[in-house]
Protein backbone atom coordinates (compact mmCIF):
# COMPACT_ATOMS: atom_id res chain seq x y z
CA UNK A 1 0.00 0.00 0.00
CA UNK A 2 1.56 3.35 -0.99
CA UNK A 3 2.02 5.95 1.70
CA UNK A 4 -0.57 8.73 1.93
CA UNK A 5 1.94 11.08 0.25
CA UNK A 6 1.57 9.18 -3.02
CA UNK A 7 -2.19 8.96 -3.08
CA UNK A 8 -3.71 11.46 -5.51
CA UNK A 9 -5.87 13.97 -3.66
CA UNK A 10 -9.21 15.13 -5.04
CA UNK A 11 -10.59 18.39 -3.70
CA UNK A 12 -14.39 18.70 -3.94
CA UNK A 13 -15.66 22.21 -3.20
CA UNK A 14 -19.25 23.07 -2.25
CA UNK A 15 -19.41 20.01 0.01
CA UNK A 16 -22.99 20.66 1.17
CA UNK A 17 -24.41 20.64 -2.36
CA UNK A 18 -26.18 17.84 -4.21
CA UNK A 19 -23.31 16.73 -6.44
CA UNK A 20 -20.63 16.91 -3.75
CA UNK A 21 -22.81 14.81 -1.43
CA UNK A 22 -23.30 12.22 -4.16
CA UNK A 23 -19.53 12.09 -4.74
CA UNK A 24 -19.11 11.62 -0.98
CA UNK A 25 -21.49 8.64 -1.18
CA UNK A 26 -19.36 6.84 -3.80
CA UNK A 27 -15.88 7.94 -2.60
CA UNK A 28 -15.26 4.54 -0.96
CA UNK A 29 -15.34 2.96 -4.44
CA UNK A 30 -12.13 4.85 -5.28
CA UNK A 31 -9.60 3.83 -2.58
CA UNK A 32 -6.73 4.98 -4.82
CA UNK A 33 -7.74 8.61 -4.19
CA UNK A 34 -7.95 10.72 -1.06
CA UNK A 35 -11.00 12.98 -1.15
CA UNK A 36 -11.07 16.35 0.58
CA UNK A 37 -14.54 17.91 0.81
CA UNK A 38 -14.75 21.60 1.69
CA UNK A 39 -17.81 23.72 2.46
CA UNK A 40 -18.09 27.39 1.52
CA UNK A 41 -17.14 28.25 5.13
CA UNK A 42 -14.03 26.04 5.03
CA UNK A 43 -12.92 27.18 1.57
CA UNK A 44 -14.69 30.24 0.13
CA UNK A 45 -13.65 29.91 -3.53
CA UNK A 46 -14.00 33.66 -4.11
CA UNK A 47 -11.33 34.36 -1.46
CA UNK A 48 -8.06 34.31 -3.42
CA UNK A 49 -5.78 34.23 -0.38
CA UNK A 50 -7.75 31.40 1.27
CA UNK A 51 -7.58 29.29 -1.90
CA UNK A 52 -3.86 30.02 -2.42
CA UNK A 53 -3.11 29.06 1.17
CA UNK A 54 -5.13 25.84 0.89
CA UNK A 55 -3.30 24.76 -2.28
CA UNK A 56 0.08 25.55 -0.73
CA UNK A 57 -0.72 23.30 2.24
CA UNK A 58 -2.30 20.47 0.22
CA UNK A 59 -0.96 18.87 -2.95
CA UNK A 60 -4.18 18.50 -4.97
CA UNK A 61 -4.29 16.32 -8.09
CA UNK A 62 -7.88 17.12 -9.08
CA UNK A 63 -10.33 19.83 -8.10
CA UNK A 64 -14.03 19.20 -8.74
CA UNK A 65 -15.66 22.60 -8.34
CA UNK A 66 -19.24 22.15 -7.12
CA UNK A 67 -19.22 25.48 -5.27
CA UNK A 68 -21.83 27.81 -6.71
CA UNK A 69 -24.46 30.42 -5.99
CA UNK A 70 -27.60 28.58 -7.18
CA UNK A 71 -30.56 30.67 -5.97
CA UNK A 72 -31.79 31.51 -9.48
CA UNK A 73 -34.54 33.99 -8.55
CA UNK A 74 -32.65 35.55 -5.65
CA UNK A 75 -29.70 36.19 -7.99
CA UNK A 76 -31.78 38.83 -9.79
CA UNK A 77 -31.47 41.04 -6.70
CA UNK A 78 -28.05 39.71 -5.60
CA UNK A 79 -26.12 40.08 -8.84
CA UNK A 80 -22.86 41.02 -7.13
CA UNK A 81 -22.92 37.95 -4.89
CA UNK A 82 -23.81 35.60 -7.77
CA UNK A 83 -20.95 36.93 -9.90
CA UNK A 84 -18.53 36.93 -6.96
CA UNK A 85 -18.97 33.18 -6.44
CA UNK A 86 -19.95 31.84 -9.87
CA UNK A 87 -17.53 33.96 -11.90
CA UNK A 88 -14.86 35.30 -9.51
CA UNK A 89 -14.66 32.08 -7.49
CA UNK A 90 -14.46 29.90 -10.58
CA UNK A 91 -11.74 32.12 -12.07
CA UNK A 92 -9.79 32.04 -8.79
CA UNK A 93 -9.82 28.26 -8.66
CA UNK A 94 -8.91 27.98 -12.34
CA UNK A 95 -5.85 30.20 -12.00
CA UNK A 96 -4.61 28.56 -8.81
CA UNK A 97 -5.23 25.04 -10.18
CA UNK A 98 -3.24 26.05 -13.26
CA UNK A 99 -0.35 27.29 -11.10
CA UNK A 100 -0.28 24.01 -9.15
CA UNK A 101 -0.78 21.65 -12.14
CA UNK A 102 -4.12 20.57 -10.63
CA UNK A 103 -6.73 19.30 -13.10
CA UNK A 104 -9.91 21.35 -12.68
CA UNK A 105 -13.37 19.92 -13.37
CA UNK A 106 -15.87 22.76 -13.16
CA UNK A 107 -19.67 22.27 -13.01
CA UNK A 108 -21.86 24.61 -15.06
CA UNK A 109 -25.46 24.83 -16.23
CA UNK A 110 -27.96 24.71 -19.11
CA UNK A 111 -28.94 28.27 -18.12
CA UNK A 112 -26.04 29.62 -20.21
CA UNK A 113 -28.36 29.08 -23.22
CA UNK A 114 -31.50 31.13 -23.95
CA UNK A 115 -33.62 28.07 -24.83
CA UNK A 116 -35.17 29.68 -27.89
CA UNK A 117 -34.65 26.65 -30.17
CA UNK A 118 -36.28 23.23 -30.28
CA UNK A 119 -33.39 20.84 -30.90
CA UNK A 120 -30.97 19.55 -28.23
CA UNK A 121 -28.17 22.00 -27.53
CA UNK A 122 -24.58 21.15 -28.37
CA UNK A 123 -21.57 22.48 -26.49
CA UNK A 124 -20.65 24.85 -29.33
CA UNK A 125 -24.16 26.33 -29.67
CA UNK A 126 -24.47 30.06 -29.04
CA UNK A 127 -24.78 31.06 -25.39
CA UNK A 128 -27.19 33.83 -24.39
CA UNK A 129 -28.30 33.63 -20.74
CA UNK A 130 -31.74 34.97 -19.84
CA UNK A 131 -31.02 35.65 -16.17
CA UNK A 132 -28.31 36.77 -13.73
CA UNK A 133 -27.59 33.23 -12.55
CA UNK A 134 -26.97 32.05 -16.13
CA UNK A 135 -24.86 35.13 -16.88
CA UNK A 136 -22.72 34.59 -13.78
CA UNK A 137 -22.18 30.91 -14.66
CA UNK A 138 -21.27 31.78 -18.26
CA UNK A 139 -18.74 34.37 -17.04
CA UNK A 140 -17.37 31.64 -14.77
CA UNK A 141 -16.91 29.31 -17.75
CA UNK A 142 -15.11 32.06 -19.69
CA UNK A 143 -12.74 32.82 -16.81
CA UNK A 144 -12.06 29.13 -16.21
CA UNK A 145 -11.00 28.51 -19.81
CA UNK A 146 -9.10 31.81 -20.04
CA UNK A 147 -7.06 31.15 -16.89
CA UNK A 148 -6.81 27.38 -17.28
CA UNK A 149 -7.13 26.12 -20.88
CA UNK A 150 -6.68 22.51 -19.71
CA UNK A 151 -9.77 22.71 -17.47
CA UNK A 152 -12.86 20.59 -18.09
CA UNK A 153 -16.39 22.01 -17.78
CA UNK A 154 -19.54 19.91 -17.38
CA UNK A 155 -22.81 21.68 -18.22
CA UNK A 156 -25.78 19.99 -16.64
CA UNK A 157 -29.53 20.61 -16.21
CA UNK A 158 -32.48 20.17 -13.82
CA UNK A 159 -30.32 18.57 -11.13
CA UNK A 160 -31.97 16.64 -8.32
CA UNK A 161 -30.84 14.24 -5.61
CA UNK A 162 -31.83 12.76 -2.27
CA UNK A 163 -29.63 15.55 -0.83
CA UNK A 164 -30.30 19.29 -0.68
CA UNK A 165 -33.19 21.27 -2.12
CA UNK A 166 -34.53 20.40 -5.56
CA UNK A 167 -37.68 19.95 -7.62
CA UNK A 168 -38.22 16.31 -6.63
CA UNK A 169 -38.09 17.03 -2.90
CA UNK A 170 -40.26 20.14 -3.32
CA UNK A 171 -42.91 18.07 -5.12
CA UNK A 172 -42.87 15.39 -2.41
CA UNK A 173 -43.38 18.09 0.24
CA UNK A 174 -46.20 19.78 -1.72
CA UNK A 175 -47.98 16.45 -2.30
CA UNK A 176 -48.20 16.08 1.49
CA UNK A 177 -49.25 19.67 2.13
CA UNK A 178 -51.72 20.35 -0.69
CA UNK A 179 -54.58 18.72 -2.57
CA UNK A 180 -53.85 20.63 -5.77
CA UNK A 181 -50.81 22.34 -7.30
CA UNK A 182 -49.88 24.11 -10.56
CA UNK A 183 -46.77 23.14 -12.53
CA UNK A 184 -45.36 24.73 -15.70
CA UNK A 185 -45.98 22.62 -18.81
CA UNK A 186 -44.23 24.57 -21.57
CA UNK A 187 -40.58 24.45 -20.45
CA UNK A 188 -38.65 21.46 -21.82
CA UNK A 189 -35.51 19.88 -20.45
CA UNK A 190 -33.84 16.72 -19.21
CA UNK A 191 -33.58 16.01 -15.47
CA UNK A 192 -30.16 15.02 -14.13
CA UNK A 193 -29.81 12.68 -11.17
CA UNK A 194 -26.77 13.99 -9.28
CA UNK A 195 -25.75 10.39 -8.43
CA UNK A 196 -25.35 9.67 -12.16
CA UNK A 197 -23.44 12.91 -12.64
CA UNK A 198 -21.14 11.98 -9.74
CA UNK A 199 -20.22 8.66 -11.39
CA UNK A 200 -19.65 10.39 -14.72
CA UNK A 201 -17.43 13.03 -13.09
CA UNK A 202 -15.32 10.27 -11.57
CA UNK A 203 -15.12 8.58 -14.99
CA UNK A 204 -13.48 11.78 -16.25
CA UNK A 205 -10.98 11.61 -13.36
CA UNK A 206 -10.16 7.97 -14.17
CA UNK A 207 -9.76 8.68 -17.90
CA UNK A 208 -7.49 11.65 -17.25
CA UNK A 209 -5.51 9.61 -14.71
CA UNK A 210 -4.93 7.05 -17.49
CA UNK A 211 -3.39 9.77 -19.65
CA UNK A 212 -6.36 10.99 -21.70
CA UNK A 213 -6.04 14.74 -22.20
CA UNK A 214 -9.73 15.61 -21.85
CA UNK A 215 -10.57 19.31 -21.59
CA UNK A 216 -13.15 21.86 -22.72
CA UNK A 217 -16.94 21.77 -22.36
CA UNK A 218 -19.13 18.65 -22.11
CA UNK A 219 -22.93 18.42 -21.69
CA UNK A 220 -24.42 15.88 -19.29
CA UNK A 221 -28.03 15.07 -18.37
CA UNK A 222 -30.16 11.94 -18.23
CA UNK A 223 -31.78 10.63 -21.42
CA UNK A 224 -35.24 11.86 -22.39
CA UNK A 225 -37.05 15.16 -22.93
CA UNK A 226 -39.90 16.22 -20.64
CA UNK A 227 -41.64 19.26 -19.16
CA UNK A 228 -41.73 20.20 -15.49
CA UNK A 229 -45.38 19.11 -15.48
CA UNK A 230 -44.46 15.65 -16.83
CA UNK A 231 -41.67 15.42 -14.27
CA UNK A 232 -44.13 16.23 -11.48
CA UNK A 233 -46.62 13.65 -12.79
CA UNK A 234 -43.89 10.97 -12.80
CA UNK A 235 -42.93 11.78 -9.20
CA UNK A 236 -46.61 11.68 -8.19
CA UNK A 237 -47.03 8.28 -9.82
CA UNK A 238 -44.00 6.80 -8.03
CA UNK A 239 -45.27 7.81 -4.60
CA UNK A 240 -48.98 7.13 -5.32
CA UNK A 241 -49.99 10.67 -4.40
CA UNK A 242 -53.59 11.82 -4.87
CA UNK A 243 -52.58 15.47 -5.34
CA UNK A 244 -54.06 17.07 -8.47
CA UNK A 245 -51.41 18.65 -10.72
CA UNK A 246 -52.62 21.34 -13.11
CA UNK A 247 -50.49 22.10 -16.19
CA UNK A 248 -49.99 25.85 -16.61
CA UNK A 249 -48.06 28.05 -19.08
CA UNK A 250 -44.92 29.91 -17.98
CA UNK A 251 -46.87 33.17 -18.45
CA UNK A 252 -49.11 32.16 -15.51
CA UNK A 253 -46.21 31.42 -13.18
CA UNK A 254 -44.35 34.63 -12.43
CA UNK A 255 -40.75 34.33 -11.23
CA UNK A 256 -38.06 36.98 -10.73
CA UNK A 257 -35.74 35.21 -13.18
CA UNK A 258 -36.70 34.23 -16.71
CA UNK A 259 -36.14 30.54 -17.55
CA UNK A 260 -35.13 28.99 -20.89
CA UNK A 261 -38.11 27.39 -22.62
CA UNK A 262 -36.07 24.63 -24.23
CA UNK A 263 -32.76 23.72 -22.58
CA UNK A 264 -32.38 20.08 -23.56
CA UNK A 265 -28.67 19.22 -23.72
CA UNK A 266 -27.17 17.14 -26.52
CA UNK A 267 -24.92 14.57 -24.79
CA UNK A 268 -23.34 12.97 -27.88
CA UNK A 269 -19.87 14.34 -27.09
CA UNK A 270 -19.66 12.99 -23.55
CA UNK A 271 -21.06 9.58 -24.59
CA UNK A 272 -18.44 9.30 -27.31
CA UNK A 273 -15.54 10.61 -25.19
CA UNK A 274 -16.22 8.35 -22.19
CA UNK A 275 -17.75 5.48 -24.19
CA UNK A 276 -20.80 5.44 -21.91
CA UNK A 277 -24.53 5.06 -22.19
CA UNK A 278 -26.54 7.47 -20.04
CA UNK A 279 -29.49 6.21 -17.94
CA UNK A 280 -33.00 7.35 -18.85
CA UNK A 281 -34.45 10.01 -16.55
CA UNK A 282 -37.28 7.77 -15.34
CA UNK A 283 -35.01 4.92 -14.20
CA UNK A 284 -32.84 7.37 -12.29
CA UNK A 285 -35.86 9.09 -10.76
CA UNK A 286 -37.09 5.70 -9.49
CA UNK A 287 -33.73 5.11 -7.77
CA UNK A 288 -33.82 8.52 -6.11
CA UNK A 289 -37.42 8.06 -4.92
CA UNK A 290 -36.52 4.65 -3.40
CA UNK A 291 -33.74 6.31 -1.40
CA UNK A 292 -36.07 9.11 -0.25
CA UNK A 293 -38.75 6.61 0.76
CA UNK A 294 -36.21 4.84 2.98
CA UNK A 295 -35.17 8.04 4.75
């Protein structure tokens, strides 16, 4: 067994988030790595000196950046904070990872697109965010690639998990509290189970560790295209809820931030690069619901 000094360390930021928690769940499957999980209190990515100091004390082989400001509607009134973390923080990490020869895997979002089309979006499609959150994440991507051209960015969409706050858990709560709810039926996307994304992220680590020079932007989401209404109906069916779900147009559901109408991600590139098949959204949803039922 090699000494701890020779074990590659993987830093996972944003440790309280959905993806970081899912990586924590599978970390035992990768005994050849030492995982270090940091919360925003332990390692505020926007604090240059804190990040520099951390990297000087720890020899990090990989950094998986899950740290983000994700309150989409709140971001409209907290633009500075959103940009500080999603852009400034991402740029900070990218530069410091570059200086320390640490491979950066940065997590981004479908909200960098405007969703005005009707065919799945490829990595090279034009970006045009509709809201502050999307704009801050896009700026983060730009800074990451500018300061660290070898970095890898994963854009993902409609993320849910048995951890944290997300659409699935909100629906389960509302089904218990209400007899009837309204859900938007004219926004299209593909849900992403964070547990699947965690495994895929680690596949990137393994591939890179084997000498594959993977970098740039990759899209990842589960297979299948649905609306939020259809997603809600599927959740309802899996828990046998009697709650009535009414389909409504986006125009009837006012939010501070505008959402893309069609943000389905084309995942051809990641499937080809990693030689993987991606689970269908319904199979993954079933797995998540089983875990939540057992809690």
